[in-house]
Amino acid sequence: MGMKNNIMFAIVLILGIILGAFLGDVLGKYETWEWLNYGKEIGLKEPFILDLYILKLTFAIMINITIASIIGFVIAAFAYKKYI
């Protein structure tokens, strides 16, 4: 795989995660599909603030991993390998 293919693969995986999370959010409102939204948040609950008197930097990251986003990730990976 060349550098261009690696970047394309990463983009496809990110789009798969986003699409999976979106579908999980939409379908998770129905009782039958609630399990798609089961997941865990990983990251900083409160942002880290670095105050340098003339410059204030704020760092924060939060990742929400759900079953739907994992399914989207796996489908995107298989689709990429099969069609590209």
PDB file of N, CA and C in Angstrom:
ATOM      1  N   MET A   1       0.834  -1.179   0.000  1.00  0.00           N
ATOM      2  CA  MET A   1       0.000   0.000   0.000  1.00  0.00           C
ATOM      3  C   MET A   1       0.878   1.242   0.000  1.00  0.00           C
ATOM      4  N   GLY A   2       0.585   2.143  -0.887  1.00  0.00           N
ATOM      5  CA  GLY A   2       1.308   3.398  -0.911  1.00  0.00           C
ATOM      6  C   GLY A   2       0.710   4.390   0.068  1.00  0.00           C
ATOM      7  N   MET A   3       1.362   5.519   0.175  1.00  0.00           N
ATOM      8  CA  MET A   3       0.905   6.561   1.099  1.00  0.00           C
ATOM      9  C   MET A   3      -0.506   7.040   0.748  1.00  0.00           C
ATOM     10  N   LYS A   4      -0.788   7.159  -0.554  1.00  0.00           N
ATOM     11  CA  LYS A   4      -2.109   7.608  -0.996  1.00  0.00           C
ATOM     12  C   LYS A   4      -3.182   6.596  -0.586  1.00  0.00           C
ATOM     13  N   ASN A   5      -2.875   5.301  -0.720  1.00  0.00           N
ATOM     14  CA  ASN A   5      -3.833   4.267  -0.325  1.00  0.00           C
ATOM     15  C   ASN A   5      -4.060   4.264   1.184  1.00  0.00           C
ATOM     16  N   ASN A   6      -3.010   4.518   1.964  1.00  0.00           N
ATOM     17  CA  ASN A   6      -3.166   4.562   3.420  1.00  0.00           C
ATOM     18  C   ASN A   6      -4.081   5.702   3.845  1.00  0.00           C
ATOM     19  N   ILE A   7      -3.914   6.851   3.214  1.00  0.00           N
ATOM     20  CA  ILE A   7      -4.766   7.998   3.537  1.00  0.00           C
ATOM     21  C   ILE A   7      -6.209   7.705   3.145  1.00  0.00           C
ATOM     22  N   MET A   8      -6.405   7.112   1.975  1.00  0.00           N
ATOM     23  CA  MET A   8      -7.755   6.764   1.522  1.00  0.00           C
ATOM     24  C   MET A   8      -8.389   5.735   2.461  1.00  0.00           C
ATOM     25  N   PHE A   9      -7.606   4.754   2.905  1.00  0.00           N
ATOM     26  CA  PHE A   9      -8.099   3.738   3.832  1.00  0.00           C
ATOM     27  C   PHE A   9      -8.539   4.392   5.145  1.00  0.00           C
ATOM     28  N   ALA A  10      -7.743   5.320   5.669  1.00  0.00           N
ATOM     29  CA  ALA A  10      -8.095   6.013   6.909  1.00  0.00           C
ATOM     30  C   ALA A  10      -9.371   6.831   6.734  1.00  0.00           C
ATOM     31  N   ILE A  11      -9.513   7.499   5.603  1.00  0.00           N
ATOM     32  CA  ILE A  11     -10.717   8.295   5.337  1.00  0.00           C
ATOM     33  C   ILE A  11     -11.950   7.398   5.272  1.00  0.00           C
ATOM     34  N   VAL A  12     -11.832   6.253   4.596  1.00  0.00           N
ATOM     35  CA  VAL A  12     -12.958   5.316   4.489  1.00  0.00           C
ATOM     36  C   VAL A  12     -13.340   4.789   5.871  1.00  0.00           C
ATOM     37  N   LEU A  13     -12.353   4.470   6.712  1.00  0.00           N
ATOM     38  CA  LEU A  13     -12.651   3.981   8.060  1.00  0.00           C
ATOM     39  C   LEU A  13     -13.346   5.052   8.900  1.00  0.00           C
ATOM     40  N   ILE A  14     -12.874   6.282   8.815  1.00  0.00           N
ATOM     41  CA  ILE A  14     -13.496   7.370   9.574  1.00  0.00           C
ATOM     42  C   ILE A  14     -14.932   7.601   9.103  1.00  0.00           C
ATOM     43  N   LEU A  15     -15.145   7.565   7.791  1.00  0.00           N
ATOM     44  CA  LEU A  15     -16.510   7.714   7.268  1.00  0.00           C
ATOM     45  C   LEU A  15     -17.402   6.556   7.715  1.00  0.00           C
ATOM     46  N   GLY A  16     -16.853   5.345   7.777  1.00  0.00           N
ATOM     47  CA  GLY A  16     -17.613   4.197   8.263  1.00  0.00           C
ATOM     48  C   GLY A  16     -18.018   4.358   9.717  1.00  0.00           C
ATOM     49  N   ILE A  17     -17.104   4.872  10.533  1.00  0.00           N
ATOM     50  CA  ILE A  17     -17.408   5.110  11.945  1.00  0.00           C
ATOM     51  C   ILE A  17     -18.498   6.171  12.080  1.00  0.00           C
ATOM     52  N   ILE A  18     -18.372   7.251  11.323  1.00  0.00           N
ATOM     53  CA  ILE A  18     -19.361   8.337  11.391  1.00  0.00           C
ATOM     54  C   ILE A  18     -20.730   7.855  10.919  1.00  0.00           C
ATOM     55  N   LEU A  19     -20.758   7.131   9.801  1.00  0.00           N
ATOM     56  CA  LEU A  19     -22.029   6.620   9.287  1.00  0.00           C
ATOM     57  C   LEU A  19     -22.650   5.615  10.261  1.00  0.00           C
ATOM     58  N   GLY A  20     -21.833   4.744  10.834  1.00  0.00           N
ATOM     59  CA  GLY A  20     -22.336   3.784  11.815  1.00  0.00           C
ATOM     60  C   GLY A  20     -22.913   4.476  13.038  1.00  0.00           C
ATOM     61  N   ALA A  21     -22.216   5.494  13.535  1.00  0.00           N
ATOM     62  CA  ALA A  21     -22.705   6.237  14.701  1.00  0.00           C
ATOM     63  C   ALA A  21     -24.008   6.967  14.375  1.00  0.00           C
ATOM     64  N   PHE A  22     -24.094   7.540  13.163  1.00  0.00           N
ATOM     65  CA  PHE A  22     -25.315   8.236  12.750  1.00  0.00           C
ATOM     66  C   PHE A  22     -26.492   7.260  12.678  1.00  0.00           C
ATOM     67  N   LEU A  23     -26.277   6.114  12.031  1.00  0.00           N
ATOM     68  CA  LEU A  23     -27.354   5.125  11.932  1.00  0.00           C
ATOM     69  C   LEU A  23     -27.734   4.586  13.310  1.00  0.00           C
ATOM     70  N   GLY A  24     -26.753   4.397  14.173  1.00  0.00           N
ATOM     71  CA  GLY A  24     -27.041   3.957  15.535  1.00  0.00           C
ATOM     72  C   GLY A  24     -27.873   4.973  16.290  1.00  0.00           C
ATOM     73  N   ASP A  25     -27.586   6.242  16.075  1.00  0.00           N
ATOM     74  CA  ASP A  25     -28.345   7.300  16.733  1.00  0.00           C
ATOM     75  C   ASP A  25     -29.780   7.340  16.224  1.00  0.00           C
ATOM     76  N   VAL A  26     -29.955   7.191  14.918  1.00  0.00           N
ATOM     77  CA  VAL A  26     -31.301   7.216  14.330  1.00  0.00           C
ATOM     78  C   VAL A  26     -32.085   5.965  14.720  1.00  0.00           C
ATOM     79  N   LEU A  27     -31.481   4.794  14.535  1.00  0.00           N
ATOM     80  CA  LEU A  27     -32.192   3.545  14.821  1.00  0.00           C
ATOM     81  C   LEU A  27     -32.303   3.262  16.315  1.00  0.00           C
ATOM     82  N   GLY A  28     -31.386   3.798  17.114  1.00  0.00           N
ATOM     83  CA  GLY A  28     -31.383   3.541  18.550  1.00  0.00           C
ATOM     84  C   GLY A  28     -32.573   4.123  19.280  1.00  0.00           C
ATOM     85  N   LYS A  29     -33.334   4.961  18.623  1.00  0.00           N
ATOM     86  CA  LYS A  29     -34.527   5.538  19.237  1.00  0.00           C
ATOM     87  C   LYS A  29     -35.671   4.531  19.302  1.00  0.00           C
ATOM     88  N   TYR A  30     -35.577   3.475  18.514  1.00  0.00           N
ATOM     89  CA  TYR A  30     -36.585   2.420  18.530  1.00  0.00           C
ATOM     90  C   TYR A  30     -36.149   1.341  19.509  1.00  0.00           C
ATOM     91  N   GLU A  31     -37.105   0.828  20.262  1.00  0.00           N
ATOM     92  CA  GLU A  31     -36.797  -0.122  21.333  1.00  0.00           C
ATOM     93  C   GLU A  31     -36.041  -1.351  20.832  1.00  0.00           C
ATOM     94  N   THR A  32     -36.370  -1.821  19.647  1.00  0.00           N
ATOM     95  CA  THR A  32     -35.725  -3.013  19.095  1.00  0.00           C
ATOM     96  C   THR A  32     -34.243  -2.785  18.820  1.00  0.00           C
ATOM     97  N   TRP A  33     -33.871  -1.562  18.475  1.00  0.00           N
ATOM     98  CA  TRP A  33     -32.495  -1.255  18.066  1.00  0.00           C
ATOM     99  C   TRP A  33     -31.706  -0.488  19.125  1.00  0.00           C
ATOM    100  N   GLU A  34     -32.196  -0.410  20.349  1.00  0.00           N
ATOM    101  CA  GLU A  34     -31.511   0.330  21.408  1.00  0.00           C
ATOM    102  C   GLU A  34     -30.080  -0.151  21.639  1.00  0.00           C
ATOM    103  N   TRP A  35     -29.837  -1.427  21.451  1.00  0.00           N
ATOM    104  CA  TRP A  35     -28.518  -2.009  21.716  1.00  0.00           C
ATOM    105  C   TRP A  35     -27.426  -1.407  20.833  1.00  0.00           C
ATOM    106  N   LEU A  36     -27.793  -0.796  19.709  1.00  0.00           N
ATOM    107  CA  LEU A  36     -26.789  -0.176  18.842  1.00  0.00           C
ATOM    108  C   LEU A  36     -26.092   1.006  19.513  1.00  0.00           C
ATOM    109  N   ASN A  37     -26.767   1.663  20.446  1.00  0.00           N
ATOM    110  CA  ASN A  37     -26.191   2.826  21.117  1.00  0.00           C
ATOM    111  C   ASN A  37     -25.429   2.472  22.386  1.00  0.00           C
ATOM    112  N   TYR A  38     -25.343   1.198  22.717  1.00  0.00           N
ATOM    113  CA  TYR A  38     -24.577   0.805  23.894  1.00  0.00           C
ATOM    114  C   TYR A  38     -23.098   1.065  23.630  1.00  0.00           C
ATOM    115  N   GLY A  39     -22.449   1.740  24.535  1.00  0.00           N
ATOM    116  CA  GLY A  39     -21.039   2.038  24.319  1.00  0.00           C
ATOM    117  C   GLY A  39     -20.396   2.688  25.518  1.00  0.00           C
ATOM    118  N   LYS A  40     -19.231   3.232  25.279  1.00  0.00           N
ATOM    119  CA  LYS A  40     -18.422   3.822  26.337  1.00  0.00           C
ATOM    120  C   LYS A  40     -17.755   5.089  25.833  1.00  0.00           C
ATOM    121  N   GLU A  41     -17.705   6.108  26.689  1.00  0.00           N
ATOM    122  CA  GLU A  41     -16.978   7.334  26.375  1.00  0.00           C
ATOM    123  C   GLU A  41     -15.585   7.238  26.975  1.00  0.00           C
ATOM    124  N   ILE A  42     -14.595   7.560  26.161  1.00  0.00           N
ATOM    125  CA  ILE A  42     -13.209   7.522  26.603  1.00  0.00           C
ATOM    126  C   ILE A  42     -12.615   8.907  26.365  1.00  0.00           C
ATOM    127  N   GLY A  43     -11.964   9.450  27.360  1.00  0.00           N
ATOM    128  CA  GLY A  43     -11.317  10.749  27.177  1.00  0.00           C
ATOM    129  C   GLY A  43     -11.287  11.559  28.450  1.00  0.00           C
ATOM    130  N   LEU A  44     -11.051  12.842  28.284  1.00  0.00           N
ATOM    131  CA  LEU A  44     -10.987  13.766  29.409  1.00  0.00           C
ATOM    132  C   LEU A  44     -12.384  14.293  29.720  1.00  0.00           C
ATOM    133  N   LYS A  45     -12.827  14.118  30.951  1.00  0.00           N
ATOM    134  CA  LYS A  45     -14.133  14.654  31.349  1.00  0.00           C
ATOM    135  C   LYS A  45     -14.083  16.177  31.431  1.00  0.00           C
ATOM    136  N   GLU A  46     -13.004  16.698  31.983  1.00  0.00           N
ATOM    137  CA  GLU A  46     -12.786  18.140  32.065  1.00  0.00           C
ATOM    138  C   GLU A  46     -11.598  18.498  31.183  1.00  0.00           C
ATOM    139  N   PRO A  47     -11.663  19.596  30.451  1.00  0.00           N
ATOM    140  CA  PRO A  47     -10.530  19.972  29.600  1.00  0.00           C
ATOM    141  C   PRO A  47      -9.307  20.356  30.432  1.00  0.00           C
ATOM    142  N   PHE A  48      -8.133  20.071  29.878  1.00  0.00           N
ATOM    143  CA  PHE A  48      -6.866  20.457  30.492  1.00  0.00           C
ATOM    144  C   PHE A  48      -6.538  21.871  30.025  1.00  0.00           C
ATOM    145  N   ILE A  49      -6.354  22.795  30.966  1.00  0.00           N
ATOM    146  CA  ILE A  49      -6.101  24.198  30.623  1.00  0.00           C
ATOM    147  C   ILE A  49      -4.680  24.563  31.033  1.00  0.00           C
ATOM    148  N   LEU A  50      -3.931  25.091  30.082  1.00  0.00           N
ATOM    149  CA  LEU A  50      -2.571  25.556  30.322  1.00  0.00           C
ATOM    150  C   LEU A  50      -2.568  27.072  30.161  1.00  0.00           C
ATOM    151  N   ASP A  51      -2.408  27.772  31.276  1.00  0.00           N
ATOM    152  CA  ASP A  51      -2.434  29.236  31.266  1.00  0.00           C
ATOM    153  C   ASP A  51      -1.006  29.759  31.319  1.00  0.00           C
ATOM    154  N   LEU A  52      -0.554  30.386  30.236  1.00  0.00           N
ATOM    155  CA  LEU A  52       0.799  30.927  30.142  1.00  0.00           C
ATOM    156  C   LEU A  52       0.800  32.452  30.249  1.00  0.00           C
ATOM    157  N   TYR A  53      -0.161  32.987  30.903  1.00  0.00           N
ATOM    158  CA  TYR A  53      -0.350  34.416  31.155  1.00  0.00           C
ATOM    159  C   TYR A  53      -0.757  35.184  29.900  1.00  0.00           C
ATOM    160  N   ILE A  54       0.022  35.117  28.835  1.00  0.00           N
ATOM    161  CA  ILE A  54      -0.364  35.818  27.608  1.00  0.00           C
ATOM    162  C   ILE A  54      -1.083  34.897  26.629  1.00  0.00           C
ATOM    163  N   LEU A  55      -1.054  33.612  26.925  1.00  0.00           N
ATOM    164  CA  LEU A  55      -1.664  32.616  26.045  1.00  0.00           C
ATOM    165  C   LEU A  55      -2.311  31.537  26.900  1.00  0.00           C
ATOM    166  N   LYS A  56      -3.543  31.219  26.608  1.00  0.00           N
ATOM    167  CA  LYS A  56      -4.245  30.167  27.341  1.00  0.00           C
ATOM    168  C   LYS A  56      -4.602  29.056  26.359  1.00  0.00           C
ATOM    169  N   LEU A  57      -4.114  27.856  26.635  1.00  0.00           N
ATOM    170  CA  LEU A  57      -4.372  26.703  25.776  1.00  0.00           C
ATOM    171  C   LEU A  57      -5.316  25.744  26.488  1.00  0.00           C
ATOM    172  N   THR A  58      -6.279  25.235  25.758  1.00  0.00           N
ATOM    173  CA  THR A  58      -7.231  24.276  26.303  1.00  0.00           C
ATOM    174  C   THR A  58      -7.174  23.002  25.473  1.00  0.00           C
ATOM    175  N   PHE A  59      -6.967  21.883  26.151  1.00  0.00           N
ATOM    176  CA  PHE A  59      -6.894  20.586  25.490  1.00  0.00           C
ATOM    177  C   PHE A  59      -8.027  19.699  25.994  1.00  0.00           C
ATOM    178  N   ALA A  60      -8.729  19.076  25.072  1.00  0.00           N
ATOM    179  CA  ALA A  60      -9.790  18.144  25.440  1.00  0.00           C
ATOM    180  C   ALA A  60     -10.010  17.164  24.295  1.00  0.00           C
ATOM    181  N   ILE A  61     -10.295  15.939  24.655  1.00  0.00           N
ATOM    182  CA  ILE A  61     -10.639  14.933  23.648  1.00  0.00           C
ATOM    183  C   ILE A  61     -11.616  13.946  24.284  1.00  0.00           C
ATOM    184  N   MET A  62     -12.619  13.566  23.522  1.00  0.00           N
ATOM    185  CA  MET A  62     -13.609  12.597  23.990  1.00  0.00           C
ATOM    186  C   MET A  62     -13.985  11.713  22.809  1.00  0.00           C
ATOM    187  N   ILE A  63     -13.889  10.422  23.001  1.00  0.00           N
ATOM    188  CA  ILE A  63     -14.252   9.461  21.964  1.00  0.00           C
ATOM    189  C   ILE A  63     -15.413   8.627  22.492  1.00  0.00           C
ATOM    190  N   ASN A  64     -16.484   8.563  21.723  1.00  0.00           N
ATOM    191  CA  ASN A  64     -17.661   7.786  22.098  1.00  0.00           C
ATOM    192  C   ASN A  64     -17.714   6.554  21.202  1.00  0.00           C
ATOM    193  N   ILE A  65     -17.399   5.404  21.776  1.00  0.00           N
ATOM    194  CA  ILE A  65     -17.384   4.153  21.018  1.00  0.00           C
ATOM    195  C   ILE A  65     -18.687   3.411  21.297  1.00  0.00           C
ATOM    196  N   THR A  66     -19.458   3.153  20.230  1.00  0.00           N
ATOM    197  CA  THR A  66     -20.706   2.407  20.364  1.00  0.00           C
ATOM    198  C   THR A  66     -20.649   1.164  19.479  1.00  0.00           C
ATOM    199  N   ILE A  67     -21.579   0.273  19.691  1.00  0.00           N
ATOM    200  CA  ILE A  67     -21.653  -0.932  18.864  1.00  0.00           C
ATOM    201  C   ILE A  67     -21.901  -0.554  17.410  1.00  0.00           C
ATOM    202  N   ALA A  68     -22.740   0.438  17.177  1.00  0.00           N
ATOM    203  CA  ALA A  68     -23.034   0.871  15.804  1.00  0.00           C
ATOM    204  C   ALA A  68     -21.787   1.413  15.115  1.00  0.00           C
ATOM    205  N   SER A  69     -20.958   2.181  15.823  1.00  0.00           N
ATOM    206  CA  SER A  69     -19.745   2.715  15.202  1.00  0.00           C
ATOM    207  C   SER A  69     -18.733   1.610  14.926  1.00  0.00           C
ATOM    208  N   ILE A  70     -18.675   0.596  15.773  1.00  0.00           N
ATOM    209  CA  ILE A  70     -17.786  -0.548  15.526  1.00  0.00           C
ATOM    210  C   ILE A  70     -18.258  -1.322  14.298  1.00  0.00           C
ATOM    211  N   ILE A  71     -19.570  -1.520  14.172  1.00  0.00           N
ATOM    212  CA  ILE A  71     -20.114  -2.199  12.992  1.00  0.00           C
ATOM    213  C   ILE A  71     -19.806  -1.393  11.733  1.00  0.00           C
ATOM    214  N   GLY A  72     -19.966  -0.077  11.785  1.00  0.00           N
ATOM    215  CA  GLY A  72     -19.631   0.780  10.647  1.00  0.00           C
ATOM    216  C   GLY A  72     -18.163   0.687  10.281  1.00  0.00           C
ATOM    217  N   PHE A  73     -17.286   0.626  11.275  1.00  0.00           N
ATOM    218  CA  PHE A  73     -15.843   0.485  11.064  1.00  0.00           C
ATOM    219  C   PHE A  73     -15.524  -0.824  10.342  1.00  0.00           C
ATOM    220  N   VAL A  74     -16.106  -1.917  10.818  1.00  0.00           N
ATOM    221  CA  VAL A  74     -15.842  -3.237  10.227  1.00  0.00           C
ATOM    222  C   VAL A  74     -16.368  -3.306   8.795  1.00  0.00           C
ATOM    223  N   ILE A  75     -17.570  -2.818   8.562  1.00  0.00           N
ATOM    224  CA  ILE A  75     -18.136  -2.828   7.207  1.00  0.00           C
ATOM    225  C   ILE A  75     -17.292  -1.976   6.265  1.00  0.00           C
ATOM    226  N   ALA A  76     -16.839  -0.814   6.730  1.00  0.00           N
ATOM    227  CA  ALA A  76     -15.993   0.052   5.895  1.00  0.00           C
ATOM    228  C   ALA A  76     -14.673  -0.631   5.557  1.00  0.00           C
ATOM    229  N   ALA A  77     -14.076  -1.327   6.521  1.00  0.00           N
ATOM    230  CA  ALA A  77     -12.808  -2.021   6.274  1.00  0.00           C
ATOM    231  C   ALA A  77     -12.989  -3.132   5.241  1.00  0.00           C
ATOM    232  N   PHE A  78     -14.049  -3.930   5.392  1.00  0.00           N
ATOM    233  CA  PHE A  78     -14.300  -5.001   4.421  1.00  0.00           C
ATOM    234  C   PHE A  78     -14.621  -4.433   3.039  1.00  0.00           C
ATOM    235  N   ALA A  79     -15.414  -3.377   2.987  1.00  0.00           N
ATOM    236  CA  ALA A  79     -15.764  -2.766   1.701  1.00  0.00           C
ATOM    237  C   ALA A  79     -14.526  -2.206   1.017  1.00  0.00           C
ATOM    238  N   TYR A  80     -13.641  -1.585   1.763  1.00  0.00           N
ATOM    239  CA  TYR A  80     -12.414  -1.032   1.174  1.00  0.00           C
ATOM    240  C   TYR A  80     -11.547  -2.147   0.597  1.00  0.00           C
ATOM    241  N   LYS A  81     -11.364  -3.207   1.368  1.00  0.00           N
ATOM    242  CA  LYS A  81     -10.516  -4.310   0.908  1.00  0.00           C
ATOM    243  C   LYS A  81     -11.118  -5.017  -0.307  1.00  0.00           C
ATOM    244  N   LYS A  82     -12.442  -5.095  -0.371  1.00  0.00           N
ATOM    245  CA  LYS A  82     -13.082  -5.808  -1.472  1.00  0.00           C
ATOM    246  C   LYS A  82     -13.122  -4.987  -2.759  1.00  0.00           C
ATOM    247  N   TYR A  83     -13.418  -3.691  -2.652  1.00  0.00           N
ATOM    248  CA  TYR A  83     -13.656  -2.888  -3.845  1.00  0.00           C
ATOM    249  C   TYR A  83     -12.476  -2.031  -4.282  1.00  0.00           C
ATOM    250  N   ILE A  84     -11.478  -1.886  -3.447  1.00  0.00           N
ATOM    251  CA  ILE A  84     -10.335  -1.046  -3.840  1.00  0.00           C
ATOM    252  C   ILE A  84      -9.057  -1.853  -3.747  1.00  0.00           C
TER     253      ILE A  84
END
